[in-house]
């Protein structure tokens, strides 16, 4: 237990009023407010935030009740995410601005990506940019394709494989992918795979088994379909990169996760 708490505290540290002591000089002094869909995933936001954005102070809020509420709505077949969740996401974002004066807001929950337009509208008068964590990943997936030798324009030969481990996320993720393609004027095909067992493995702390189950789903899809790129639908799935840091070598195609692509997009926003 001591080693568990020691490693956790080495990553998170304790709150301080000052800027981070070191990091990218262009980022030191910047503050990012992260609105998580649940409290437990804040570890992911801390790790990927500190790794991708060294020097940025990460200030987070998360509520297990939000996730339980949209899980319950999904189970009942109601609109997901519920309006209450969207309202809370707006309030949490405003709280981070009022409390800490953050320079940008990151919405880290894929299921809650439907809240992004409402949050942007609510925060527009405050001049604080809002990043939805999946947007950069979706744009990269839509752009990914193959370029024949006699053409300079990249064209898509296969599909985007969207892998999720949590049922309520599927519809939101696929909707965002289609919206992104429409906005970019691209025609895409995508296939979906939901691996609920992986979510349970994650909850049991069996990270390597979680990752292997996802890897097997990717390999199986490649046997039956032409896949250009894989999108991992949730921030929690970003731990996949620990087992497969070079997906091109392992699968022959990119496997995108929002922990890396989403926080890189935040870096672009903070540096703009």
Protein backbone atom coordinates (compact mmCIF):
# COMPACT_ATOMS: atom_id res chain seq x y z
CA UNK A 1 0.00 0.00 0.00
CA UNK A 2 2.84 2.41 0.74
CA UNK A 3 4.25 1.92 -2.77
CA UNK A 4 0.78 2.51 -4.29
CA UNK A 5 0.30 5.80 -2.44
CA UNK A 6 3.90 6.80 -3.07
CA UNK A 7 3.58 6.37 -6.83
CA UNK A 8 0.24 8.16 -6.87
CA UNK A 9 1.60 11.16 -5.00
CA UNK A 10 4.74 11.32 -7.14
CA UNK A 11 2.47 11.74 -10.13
CA UNK A 12 -0.13 14.11 -8.70
CA UNK A 13 1.75 16.04 -6.04
CA UNK A 14 -0.12 18.26 -3.57
CA UNK A 15 -1.86 21.51 -4.57
CA UNK A 16 0.28 24.64 -4.73
CA UNK A 17 -0.54 28.21 -5.74
CA UNK A 18 2.59 28.66 -7.80
CA UNK A 19 3.31 27.57 -11.36
CA UNK A 20 4.80 24.17 -12.11
CA UNK A 21 8.53 24.34 -11.27
CA UNK A 22 9.71 23.07 -14.65
CA UNK A 23 8.56 22.07 -18.12
CA UNK A 24 8.14 23.60 -21.55
CA UNK A 25 8.93 27.32 -21.17
CA UNK A 26 6.00 28.10 -23.49
CA UNK A 27 3.64 26.24 -21.16
CA UNK A 28 4.90 27.03 -17.68
CA UNK A 29 2.41 29.34 -16.00
CA UNK A 30 -0.57 28.11 -18.04
CA UNK A 31 -3.52 26.50 -16.28
CA UNK A 32 -5.80 23.86 -17.80
CA UNK A 33 -9.19 23.05 -16.31
CA UNK A 34 -10.26 19.46 -16.98
CA UNK A 35 -13.89 18.41 -16.63
CA UNK A 36 -13.93 14.63 -16.28
CA UNK A 37 -17.01 12.47 -16.70
CA UNK A 38 -16.14 10.70 -13.46
CA UNK A 39 -13.66 11.06 -10.63
CA UNK A 40 -11.69 7.85 -11.16
CA UNK A 41 -10.44 8.83 -14.63
CA UNK A 42 -8.66 11.91 -13.25
CA UNK A 43 -5.53 9.72 -13.01
CA UNK A 44 -5.53 9.51 -16.82
CA UNK A 45 -5.93 13.26 -17.19
CA UNK A 46 -3.11 13.86 -14.72
CA UNK A 47 -0.73 11.41 -16.39
CA UNK A 48 -1.33 12.38 -20.01
CA UNK A 49 -1.64 16.06 -19.11
CA UNK A 50 1.71 16.11 -17.34
CA UNK A 51 3.37 13.94 -20.01
CA UNK A 52 2.13 15.80 -23.08
CA UNK A 53 1.99 19.30 -21.54
CA UNK A 54 4.96 19.59 -19.16
CA UNK A 55 4.71 22.80 -17.19
CA UNK A 56 0.93 23.21 -17.39
CA UNK A 57 -0.94 23.23 -14.08
CA UNK A 58 -3.75 20.66 -14.37
CA UNK A 59 -6.84 21.48 -12.29
CA UNK A 60 -9.64 18.92 -12.43
CA UNK A 61 -13.21 18.22 -11.46
CA UNK A 62 -15.06 14.91 -11.76
CA UNK A 63 -18.22 13.39 -10.35
CA UNK A 64 -18.96 9.68 -10.22
CA UNK A 65 -22.66 10.55 -10.16
CA UNK A 66 -22.42 12.00 -13.67
CA UNK A 67 -21.16 8.70 -15.06
CA UNK A 68 -23.69 6.68 -13.10
CA UNK A 69 -26.48 8.93 -14.37
CA UNK A 70 -25.62 8.51 -18.05
CA UNK A 71 -25.07 4.77 -17.53
CA UNK A 72 -28.55 4.56 -16.05
CA UNK A 73 -30.03 6.61 -18.91
CA UNK A 74 -28.32 4.34 -21.45
CA UNK A 75 -29.64 1.26 -19.66
CA UNK A 76 -33.20 2.62 -19.74
CA UNK A 77 -32.95 3.66 -23.38
CA UNK A 78 -33.34 7.36 -22.53
CA UNK A 79 -31.47 10.24 -24.15
CA UNK A 80 -27.78 9.97 -23.36
CA UNK A 81 -26.22 12.03 -21.97
CA UNK A 82 -29.09 13.41 -19.90
CA UNK A 83 -29.64 17.17 -19.91
CA UNK A 84 -28.72 17.31 -16.22
CA UNK A 85 -25.25 16.01 -17.11
CA UNK A 86 -24.83 18.70 -19.76
CA UNK A 87 -25.93 21.39 -17.30
CA UNK A 88 -23.47 20.10 -14.71
CA UNK A 89 -20.63 20.06 -17.26
CA UNK A 90 -21.28 23.74 -17.98
CA UNK A 91 -21.36 24.54 -14.27
CA UNK A 92 -18.15 22.63 -13.55
CA UNK A 93 -16.37 24.46 -16.38
CA UNK A 94 -17.52 27.82 -15.03
CA UNK A 95 -16.46 26.79 -11.52
CA UNK A 96 -12.91 26.09 -12.73
CA UNK A 97 -12.76 29.52 -14.35
CA UNK A 98 -14.17 31.29 -11.28
CA UNK A 99 -12.02 29.38 -8.80
CA UNK A 100 -8.69 29.22 -10.58
CA UNK A 101 -8.82 31.39 -13.70
CA UNK A 102 -7.85 28.58 -16.08
CA UNK A 103 -6.59 29.43 -19.57
CA UNK A 104 -8.58 26.66 -21.30
CA UNK A 105 -11.13 23.96 -20.53
CA UNK A 106 -10.76 20.33 -21.62
CA UNK A 107 -13.85 18.09 -21.66
CA UNK A 108 -12.31 14.65 -21.18
CA UNK A 109 -15.41 12.44 -21.33
CA UNK A 110 -16.30 10.86 -24.69
CA UNK A 111 -19.88 10.12 -23.67
CA UNK A 112 -20.27 13.79 -22.77
CA UNK A 113 -18.94 15.06 -26.13
CA UNK A 114 -22.56 16.08 -26.88
CA UNK A 115 -22.14 18.78 -24.23
CA UNK A 116 -19.29 20.57 -26.04
CA UNK A 117 -21.42 23.00 -28.11
CA UNK A 118 -23.40 24.07 -25.03
CA UNK A 119 -20.22 24.56 -22.97
CA UNK A 120 -18.62 26.63 -25.74
CA UNK A 121 -21.71 28.82 -25.99
CA UNK A 122 -21.84 29.33 -22.22
CA UNK A 123 -18.14 30.19 -21.97
CA UNK A 124 -17.91 32.36 -25.09
CA UNK A 125 -18.52 35.62 -23.15
CA UNK A 126 -15.66 34.66 -20.83
CA UNK A 127 -13.17 34.20 -23.66
CA UNK A 128 -11.99 30.77 -22.44
CA UNK A 129 -11.45 28.19 -25.21
CA UNK A 130 -13.03 24.75 -24.85
CA UNK A 131 -11.40 21.58 -26.20
CA UNK A 132 -13.34 18.33 -26.48
CA UNK A 133 -10.79 15.55 -26.03
CA UNK A 134 -11.87 13.42 -29.02
CA UNK A 135 -11.99 16.12 -31.69
CA UNK A 136 -8.31 16.01 -32.68
CA UNK A 137 -8.38 12.21 -32.77
CA UNK A 138 -11.44 12.21 -35.04
CA UNK A 139 -9.85 14.73 -37.39
CA UNK A 140 -6.69 12.62 -37.62
CA UNK A 141 -8.75 9.48 -38.25
CA UNK A 142 -10.75 11.15 -41.01
CA UNK A 143 -7.54 12.37 -42.66
CA UNK A 144 -5.82 9.00 -42.51
CA UNK A 145 -5.82 7.07 -45.78
CA UNK A 146 -3.56 5.78 -48.52
CA UNK A 147 -2.01 7.74 -51.36
CA UNK A 148 -1.47 5.94 -54.71
CA UNK A 149 1.87 6.70 -56.34
CA UNK A 150 0.29 8.68 -59.19
CA UNK A 151 -1.83 10.92 -56.94
CA UNK A 152 -0.96 13.47 -54.30
CA UNK A 153 -4.42 13.54 -52.75
CA UNK A 154 -4.88 11.08 -49.90
CA UNK A 155 -7.84 8.77 -50.48
CA UNK A 156 -9.49 6.29 -48.16
CA UNK A 157 -9.50 2.65 -49.16
CA UNK A 158 -10.68 1.12 -45.90
CA UNK A 159 -12.67 1.86 -42.78
CA UNK A 160 -12.15 3.57 -39.48
CA UNK A 161 -12.52 1.01 -36.71
CA UNK A 162 -14.04 2.57 -33.59
CA UNK A 163 -13.40 0.42 -30.52
CA UNK A 164 -15.23 1.17 -27.28
CA UNK A 165 -15.32 -0.64 -23.96
CA UNK A 166 -18.27 1.24 -22.46
CA UNK A 167 -21.72 1.02 -24.06
CA UNK A 168 -22.95 4.57 -23.37
CA UNK A 169 -19.97 5.98 -25.30
CA UNK A 170 -20.67 4.28 -28.62
CA UNK A 171 -23.41 6.50 -30.04
CA UNK A 172 -21.70 9.74 -28.97
CA UNK A 173 -18.38 8.68 -30.48
CA UNK A 174 -19.85 7.57 -33.80
CA UNK A 175 -21.90 10.77 -34.01
CA UNK A 176 -18.79 12.89 -33.45
CA UNK A 177 -16.87 10.93 -36.07
CA UNK A 178 -19.58 11.47 -38.68
CA UNK A 179 -19.91 15.15 -37.76
CA UNK A 180 -16.15 15.57 -38.10
CA UNK A 181 -16.13 13.94 -41.53
CA UNK A 182 -19.03 16.12 -42.68
CA UNK A 183 -17.32 19.28 -41.40
CA UNK A 184 -14.11 18.34 -43.20
CA UNK A 185 -15.95 17.46 -46.40
CA UNK A 186 -14.73 13.85 -46.32
CA UNK A 187 -16.56 10.63 -47.04
CA UNK A 188 -15.75 7.91 -44.51
CA UNK A 189 -16.80 4.41 -43.66
CA UNK A 190 -16.49 3.10 -40.16
CA UNK A 191 -17.03 -0.10 -38.26
CA UNK A 192 -17.62 -0.42 -34.54
CA UNK A 193 -16.66 -2.90 -31.86
CA UNK A 194 -17.75 -2.71 -28.23
CA UNK A 195 -15.72 -4.76 -25.76
CA UNK A 196 -17.49 -4.49 -22.42
CA UNK A 197 -15.29 -7.22 -20.93
CA UNK A 198 -12.28 -4.93 -21.31
CA UNK A 199 -14.01 -2.27 -19.19
CA UNK A 200 -14.49 -4.84 -16.43
CA UNK A 201 -10.84 -5.90 -16.68
CA UNK A 202 -9.82 -2.26 -16.33
CA UNK A 203 -11.97 -1.98 -13.21
CA UNK A 204 -10.15 -4.99 -11.77
CA UNK A 205 -6.78 -3.38 -12.43
CA UNK A 206 -5.90 -5.98 -15.06
CA UNK A 207 -4.46 -3.44 -17.49
CA UNK A 208 -2.38 -5.81 -19.59
CA UNK A 209 -5.36 -8.12 -20.12
CA UNK A 210 -7.53 -5.07 -20.98
CA UNK A 211 -4.97 -4.11 -23.62
CA UNK A 212 -4.66 -7.60 -25.08
CA UNK A 213 -8.41 -7.94 -25.42
CA UNK A 214 -8.50 -4.70 -27.42
CA UNK A 215 -5.53 -5.87 -29.51
CA UNK A 216 -7.33 -9.11 -30.33
CA UNK A 217 -10.42 -7.17 -31.45
CA UNK A 218 -8.26 -5.07 -33.78
CA UNK A 219 -6.56 -8.14 -35.26
CA UNK A 220 -9.87 -9.91 -35.74
CA UNK A 221 -11.36 -6.90 -37.52
CA UNK A 222 -8.34 -6.76 -39.82
CA UNK A 223 -8.97 -10.37 -40.85
CA UNK A 224 -12.47 -9.56 -42.07
CA UNK A 225 -12.26 -5.96 -43.23
CA UNK A 226 -9.95 -3.35 -44.70
CA UNK A 227 -9.08 -1.07 -41.78
CA UNK A 228 -7.11 2.17 -42.27
CA UNK A 229 -7.00 3.40 -38.70
CA UNK A 230 -8.31 2.50 -35.25
CA UNK A 231 -9.93 4.98 -32.88
CA UNK A 232 -10.04 4.09 -29.18
CA UNK A 233 -13.26 5.71 -28.05
CA UNK A 234 -12.51 6.59 -24.41
CA UNK A 235 -9.73 8.32 -22.52
CA UNK A 236 -9.50 5.28 -20.22
CA UNK A 237 -8.47 3.17 -23.22
CA UNK A 238 -5.34 5.28 -23.66
CA UNK A 239 -3.46 2.84 -21.40
CA UNK A 240 -3.38 0.68 -24.55
CA UNK A 241 -0.34 2.69 -25.66
CA UNK A 242 1.67 1.32 -22.74
CA UNK A 243 1.48 -2.17 -24.25
CA UNK A 244 1.61 -1.01 -27.88
CA UNK A 245 3.71 2.17 -28.10
CA UNK A 246 4.32 1.53 -31.83
CA UNK A 247 0.96 0.42 -33.29
CA UNK A 248 2.25 0.67 -36.87
CA UNK A 249 4.80 -2.04 -36.09
CA UNK A 250 2.24 -4.16 -34.24
CA UNK A 251 -0.80 -3.77 -36.50
CA UNK A 252 0.40 -2.01 -39.64
CA UNK A 253 -2.00 0.90 -39.04
CA UNK A 254 -2.33 3.79 -36.57
CA UNK A 255 -4.20 3.17 -33.33
CA UNK A 256 -5.24 6.57 -31.99
CA UNK A 257 -6.01 7.38 -28.37
CA UNK A 258 -7.38 10.63 -26.98
CA UNK A 259 -4.91 10.79 -24.09
CA UNK A 260 -2.19 11.68 -26.58
CA UNK A 261 -4.09 13.43 -29.38
CA UNK A 262 -6.44 15.37 -27.09
CA UNK A 263 -3.76 16.84 -24.86
CA UNK A 264 -1.63 17.70 -27.91
CA UNK A 265 -4.59 19.71 -29.20
CA UNK A 266 -4.75 21.52 -25.86
CA UNK A 267 -1.07 22.40 -26.30
CA UNK A 268 -1.86 23.95 -29.67
CA UNK A 269 -4.65 26.01 -28.09
CA UNK A 270 -2.54 27.17 -25.15
CA UNK A 271 0.27 28.19 -27.51
CA UNK A 272 -1.98 30.05 -29.95
